[in-house]
Amino acid sequence: MGSKDFFVTTYESHADKIYRHCLFRIFSPEKAEELMQEIFLKFWKYLEGGNDIKNVSGLLYRIADHAIIDEKRKKSAESLDALVEEKDFDLPSPGHLDTETRVLHKEAMEELKTLRDEERDLFVMRYVDDLDPREIAEIRGTTANTVSVQLNRITAKLKTKLI
């Protein structure tokens, strides 16, 4: 498979995940779209540079992390409230949820905003991006055990606030 075909296949299988990852980290649909395009441009350049890619997903998330950090340095993230109020953006699956579940969902999203950036990033990688601790550890340059411990602490913190 040529690099162009590999790129297209990778884009098709990872673009939505990378977009969602960016969205939940910076809370701006427009900026998430821009970052996703930037991430895949950097991936293309890396691929065309003849670099060996052992873990495509890990590389994409690592590029995304650097792009998000750069973006946060440029400008503060928009509030989640502004994002939710936009007409063209819906929280994941609220339409079929009962009122109690919607309230709990809103409370959970509010508590997610109170986490430190690093905590929120780990939480999003695990529970939104559905990466396992081993994958997160590879992206973060740490151990799976460290990631698991941090996730357990973050989850416990959120539970105490929500219950």
Protein backbone atom coordinates (compact mmCIF):
# COMPACT_ATOMS: atom_id res chain seq x y z
CA MET A 1 0.00 0.00 0.00
CA GLY A 2 1.37 3.38 -1.00
CA SER A 3 1.70 6.27 1.40
CA LYS A 4 -1.26 8.06 -0.18
CA ASP A 5 -3.54 5.04 0.23
CA PHE A 6 -2.26 4.50 3.78
CA PHE A 7 -2.97 8.14 4.59
CA VAL A 8 -6.50 8.00 3.18
CA THR A 9 -7.26 4.79 5.07
CA THR A 10 -5.86 6.26 8.27
CA TYR A 11 -7.83 9.48 7.82
CA GLU A 12 -11.07 7.60 7.23
CA SER A 13 -10.60 5.41 10.30
CA HIS A 14 -9.29 8.06 12.72
CA ALA A 15 -10.64 11.50 11.70
CA ASP A 16 -13.83 11.33 13.80
CA LYS A 17 -11.91 10.08 16.84
CA ILE A 18 -9.30 12.81 16.56
CA TYR A 19 -11.98 15.47 16.07
CA ARG A 20 -13.89 14.26 19.15
CA HIS A 21 -10.65 14.15 21.14
CA CYS A 22 -9.91 17.77 20.21
CA LEU A 23 -13.50 18.87 20.85
CA PHE A 24 -13.59 17.51 24.39
CA ARG A 25 -10.24 19.07 25.17
CA ILE A 26 -10.80 22.59 23.80
CA PHE A 27 -14.63 22.87 23.69
CA SER A 28 -14.82 24.60 20.31
CA PRO A 29 -16.22 22.77 17.27
CA GLU A 30 -14.58 25.15 14.81
CA LYS A 31 -11.18 25.00 16.48
CA ALA A 32 -11.46 21.20 16.84
CA GLU A 33 -12.04 20.96 13.09
CA GLU A 34 -9.03 23.20 12.39
CA LEU A 35 -6.84 21.21 14.74
CA MET A 36 -7.92 17.90 13.23
CA GLN A 37 -6.88 19.16 9.78
CA GLU A 38 -3.58 20.42 11.18
CA ILE A 39 -2.95 17.07 12.89
CA PHE A 40 -3.50 15.11 9.70
CA LEU A 41 -1.30 17.54 7.75
CA LYS A 42 1.51 16.89 10.25
CA PHE A 43 0.81 13.16 10.01
CA TRP A 44 1.08 13.36 6.19
CA LYS A 45 4.41 15.20 6.44
CA TYR A 46 5.67 12.62 8.93
CA LEU A 47 4.55 9.81 6.63
CA GLU A 48 6.10 11.43 3.55
CA GLY A 49 9.32 11.92 5.48
CA GLY A 50 9.77 8.15 5.36
CA ASN A 51 9.47 7.77 9.11
CA ASP A 52 8.65 4.34 10.53
CA ILE A 53 5.20 4.25 12.14
CA LYS A 54 4.71 1.45 14.66
CA ASN A 55 1.47 2.70 16.23
CA VAL A 56 -0.63 4.96 14.00
CA SER A 57 -3.19 5.73 16.69
CA GLY A 58 -0.51 6.55 19.25
CA LEU A 59 1.25 8.86 16.81
CA LEU A 60 -1.97 10.69 15.93
CA TYR A 61 -2.89 11.25 19.59
CA ARG A 62 0.65 12.40 20.36
CA ILE A 63 0.47 14.93 17.49
CA ALA A 64 -2.99 15.95 18.74
CA ASP A 65 -1.71 16.49 22.29
CA HIS A 66 1.05 18.78 21.05
CA ALA A 67 -1.37 20.70 18.81
CA ILE A 68 -3.85 21.13 21.68
CA ILE A 69 -1.14 22.31 24.05
CA ASP A 70 0.00 24.84 21.45
CA GLU A 71 -3.58 26.01 20.98
CA LYS A 72 -4.12 26.40 24.72
CA ARG A 73 -1.00 28.52 24.90
CA LYS A 74 -2.38 30.81 22.19
CA LYS A 75 -5.85 31.25 23.63
CA SER A 76 -7.91 30.15 26.61
CA ALA A 77 -10.42 27.37 25.92
CA GLU A 78 -14.02 28.43 25.44
CA SER A 79 -16.44 27.50 28.19
CA LEU A 80 -18.51 24.36 27.85
CA ASP A 81 -21.65 26.41 28.48
CA ALA A 82 -21.07 28.41 25.29
CA LEU A 83 -20.51 25.19 23.37
CA VAL A 84 -23.72 23.59 24.61
CA GLU A 85 -25.74 26.71 23.82
CA GLU A 86 -24.72 26.64 20.14
CA LYS A 87 -27.65 25.58 17.97
CA ASP A 88 -25.71 23.13 15.81
CA PHE A 89 -24.09 21.16 18.63
CA ASP A 90 -25.81 18.54 20.76
CA LEU A 91 -24.37 16.74 23.70
CA PRO A 92 -23.91 13.05 22.96
CA SER A 93 -27.31 11.30 22.74
CA PRO A 94 -29.47 13.56 24.94
CA GLY A 95 -32.58 13.20 22.79
CA HIS A 96 -33.60 9.78 24.01
CA LEU A 97 -32.59 10.24 27.63
CA ASP A 98 -35.10 10.73 30.39
CA THR A 99 -35.09 13.96 32.40
CA GLU A 100 -33.20 12.52 35.37
CA THR A 101 -30.45 11.18 33.12
CA ARG A 102 -30.20 14.52 31.31
CA VAL A 103 -29.76 16.33 34.63
CA LEU A 104 -27.07 13.87 35.71
CA HIS A 105 -25.38 14.23 32.33
CA LYS A 106 -25.33 18.03 32.64
CA GLU A 107 -23.94 17.78 36.19
CA ALA A 108 -21.25 15.37 35.01
CA MET A 109 -20.25 17.73 32.21
CA GLU A 110 -20.06 20.62 34.68
CA GLU A 111 -17.82 18.58 36.99
CA LEU A 112 -15.62 17.63 34.06
CA LYS A 113 -14.90 21.35 33.61
CA THR A 114 -13.64 21.56 37.20
CA LEU A 115 -10.86 19.03 36.63
CA ARG A 116 -7.33 20.24 36.04
CA ASP A 117 -6.34 20.12 32.36
CA GLU A 118 -4.17 17.03 32.83
CA GLU A 119 -6.95 15.19 34.68
CA ARG A 120 -9.56 16.14 32.08
CA ASP A 121 -7.21 15.10 29.27
CA LEU A 122 -6.69 11.64 30.80
CA PHE A 123 -10.41 11.25 31.47
CA VAL A 124 -11.27 12.20 27.88
CA MET A 125 -8.64 9.87 26.44
CA ARG A 126 -10.02 6.97 28.47
CA TYR A 127 -13.78 7.49 28.49
CA VAL A 128 -14.44 9.58 25.36
CA ASP A 129 -11.66 8.36 23.05
CA ASP A 130 -11.98 4.84 24.52
CA LEU A 131 -8.23 4.32 24.72
CA ASP A 132 -7.03 1.73 27.19
CA PRO A 133 -4.45 2.67 29.86
CA ARG A 134 -1.65 1.00 27.89
CA GLU A 135 -2.38 3.16 24.83
CA ILE A 136 -2.64 6.31 26.95
CA ALA A 137 0.64 5.44 28.65
CA GLU A 138 2.36 5.05 25.29
CA ILE A 139 1.05 8.43 24.15
CA ARG A 140 1.97 10.11 27.44
CA GLY A 141 5.36 8.43 27.83
CA THR A 142 4.53 6.83 31.17
CA THR A 143 3.43 3.42 32.46
CA ALA A 144 0.00 1.84 32.19
CA ASN A 145 -0.01 1.43 35.97
CA THR A 146 0.53 5.16 36.50
CA VAL A 147 -2.29 5.95 34.08
CA SER A 148 -4.62 3.47 35.82
CA VAL A 149 -3.88 4.95 39.24
CA GLN A 150 -4.48 8.49 37.95
CA LEU A 151 -7.75 7.45 36.28
CA ASN A 152 -8.95 5.78 39.47
CA ARG A 153 -8.24 8.96 41.44
CA ILE A 154 -9.97 11.15 38.87
CA THR A 155 -13.01 8.85 38.78
CA ALA A 156 -13.19 8.77 42.58
CA LYS A 157 -12.99 12.59 42.67
CA LEU A 158 -15.86 12.89 40.19
CA LYS A 159 -17.96 10.30 42.04
CA THR A 160 -17.66 12.16 45.34
CA LYS A 161 -18.80 15.36 43.68
CA LEU A 162 -21.70 13.75 41.82
CA ILE A 163 -23.03 11.46 44.52
